[in-house]
Amino acid sequence: MVAHDPLRKLTELVDQVKADEVVVLAAPQWIEGLFHRDWASQARHKVGVPVLQLFAQQD
């Protein structure tokens, strides 16, 4: 778990392991997603590789 600047840490990890893609599993956040303010949208602009966002099912 990363409490401070997770996007920077993710970018470092992507570079370190030479990742081709990042998969983000998140709870649905429809409003943030509409305005591209959700975490995955921010990651798409930072990490330099494709970011796939999957939504966890909530009961």
C-alpha atoms as a PDB file:
ATOM      1  CA  MET A   1       0.000   0.000   0.000  1.00  0.00           C
ATOM      2  CA  VAL A   2       1.248   3.463  -0.904  1.00  0.00           C
ATOM      3  CA  ALA A   3      -0.115   6.379   1.065  1.00  0.00           C
ATOM      4  CA  HIS A   4       1.862   9.229  -0.495  1.00  0.00           C
ATOM      5  CA  ASP A   5       1.948   9.973  -4.247  1.00  0.00           C
ATOM      6  CA  PRO A   6       0.732   6.599  -5.557  1.00  0.00           C
ATOM      7  CA  LEU A   7       0.929   7.702  -9.197  1.00  0.00           C
ATOM      8  CA  ARG A   8       4.642   8.409  -8.880  1.00  0.00           C
ATOM      9  CA  LYS A   9       5.169   5.021  -7.229  1.00  0.00           C
ATOM     10  CA  LEU A  10       3.154   3.319  -9.976  1.00  0.00           C
ATOM     11  CA  THR A  11       5.206   5.065 -12.662  1.00  0.00           C
ATOM     12  CA  GLU A  12       8.424   3.914 -10.969  1.00  0.00           C
ATOM     13  CA  LEU A  13       7.136   0.335 -10.770  1.00  0.00           C
ATOM     14  CA  VAL A  14       6.075   0.333 -14.436  1.00  0.00           C
ATOM     15  CA  ASP A  15       9.578   1.498 -15.398  1.00  0.00           C
ATOM     16  CA  GLN A  16      11.269  -0.975 -13.053  1.00  0.00           C
ATOM     17  CA  VAL A  17       9.457  -4.080 -14.323  1.00  0.00           C
ATOM     18  CA  LYS A  18       9.100  -2.771 -17.891  1.00  0.00           C
ATOM     19  CA  ALA A  19       5.340  -3.309 -17.785  1.00  0.00           C
ATOM     20  CA  ASP A  20       3.321  -3.236 -21.015  1.00  0.00           C
ATOM     21  CA  GLU A  21       0.025  -2.443 -19.323  1.00  0.00           C
ATOM     22  CA  VAL A  22      -1.477  -1.593 -15.928  1.00  0.00           C
ATOM     23  CA  VAL A  23      -4.731  -3.093 -14.628  1.00  0.00           C
ATOM     24  CA  VAL A  24      -6.627  -1.141 -11.972  1.00  0.00           C
ATOM     25  CA  LEU A  25      -9.400  -2.820  -9.968  1.00  0.00           C
ATOM     26  CA  ALA A  26     -11.635  -0.200  -8.378  1.00  0.00           C
ATOM     27  CA  ALA A  27     -15.061   0.417  -6.948  1.00  0.00           C
ATOM     28  CA  PRO A  28     -17.348   2.151  -9.463  1.00  0.00           C
ATOM     29  CA  GLN A  29     -17.100   5.937  -9.252  1.00  0.00           C
ATOM     30  CA  TRP A  30     -19.364   7.158 -12.016  1.00  0.00           C
ATOM     31  CA  ILE A  31     -19.144  10.901 -11.433  1.00  0.00           C
ATOM     32  CA  GLU A  32     -15.354  10.929 -11.175  1.00  0.00           C
ATOM     33  CA  GLY A  33     -15.155   8.718 -14.265  1.00  0.00           C
ATOM     34  CA  LEU A  34     -17.334  11.066 -16.298  1.00  0.00           C
ATOM     35  CA  PHE A  35     -14.958  13.934 -15.628  1.00  0.00           C
ATOM     36  CA  HIS A  36     -11.807  11.772 -15.891  1.00  0.00           C
ATOM     37  CA  ARG A  37     -10.877  12.557 -12.280  1.00  0.00           C
ATOM     38  CA  ASP A  38     -10.788   8.937 -11.164  1.00  0.00           C
ATOM     39  CA  TRP A  39      -7.498   7.262 -10.286  1.00  0.00           C
ATOM     40  CA  ALA A  40      -7.271   5.184 -13.468  1.00  0.00           C
ATOM     41  CA  SER A  41      -7.791   8.229 -15.702  1.00  0.00           C
ATOM     42  CA  GLN A  42      -5.040  10.077 -13.888  1.00  0.00           C
ATOM     43  CA  ALA A  43      -2.764   7.040 -14.228  1.00  0.00           C
ATOM     44  CA  ARG A  44      -3.357   6.956 -18.005  1.00  0.00           C
ATOM     45  CA  HIS A  45      -1.708  10.364 -18.262  1.00  0.00           C
ATOM     46  CA  LYS A  46       1.229   9.514 -15.981  1.00  0.00           C
ATOM     47  CA  VAL A  47       2.525   5.983 -16.502  1.00  0.00           C
ATOM     48  CA  GLY A  48       3.164   5.897 -20.241  1.00  0.00           C
ATOM     49  CA  VAL A  49       1.490   2.512 -20.863  1.00  0.00           C
ATOM     50  CA  PRO A  50      -2.157   1.539 -21.399  1.00  0.00           C
ATOM     51  CA  VAL A  51      -4.272   1.418 -18.230  1.00  0.00           C
ATOM     52  CA  LEU A  52      -7.263  -0.935 -18.059  1.00  0.00           C
ATOM     53  CA  GLN A  53      -9.809  -0.204 -15.369  1.00  0.00           C
ATOM     54  CA  LEU A  54     -11.998  -3.011 -14.054  1.00  0.00           C
ATOM     55  CA  PHE A  55     -14.843  -2.376 -11.655  1.00  0.00           C
ATOM     56  CA  ALA A  56     -15.395  -4.483  -8.566  1.00  0.00           C
ATOM     57  CA  GLN A  57     -18.961  -5.658  -8.092  1.00  0.00           C
ATOM     58  CA  GLN A  58     -20.674  -4.076  -5.117  1.00  0.00           C
ATOM     59  CA  ASP A  59     -23.644  -5.745  -3.455  1.00  0.00           C
END
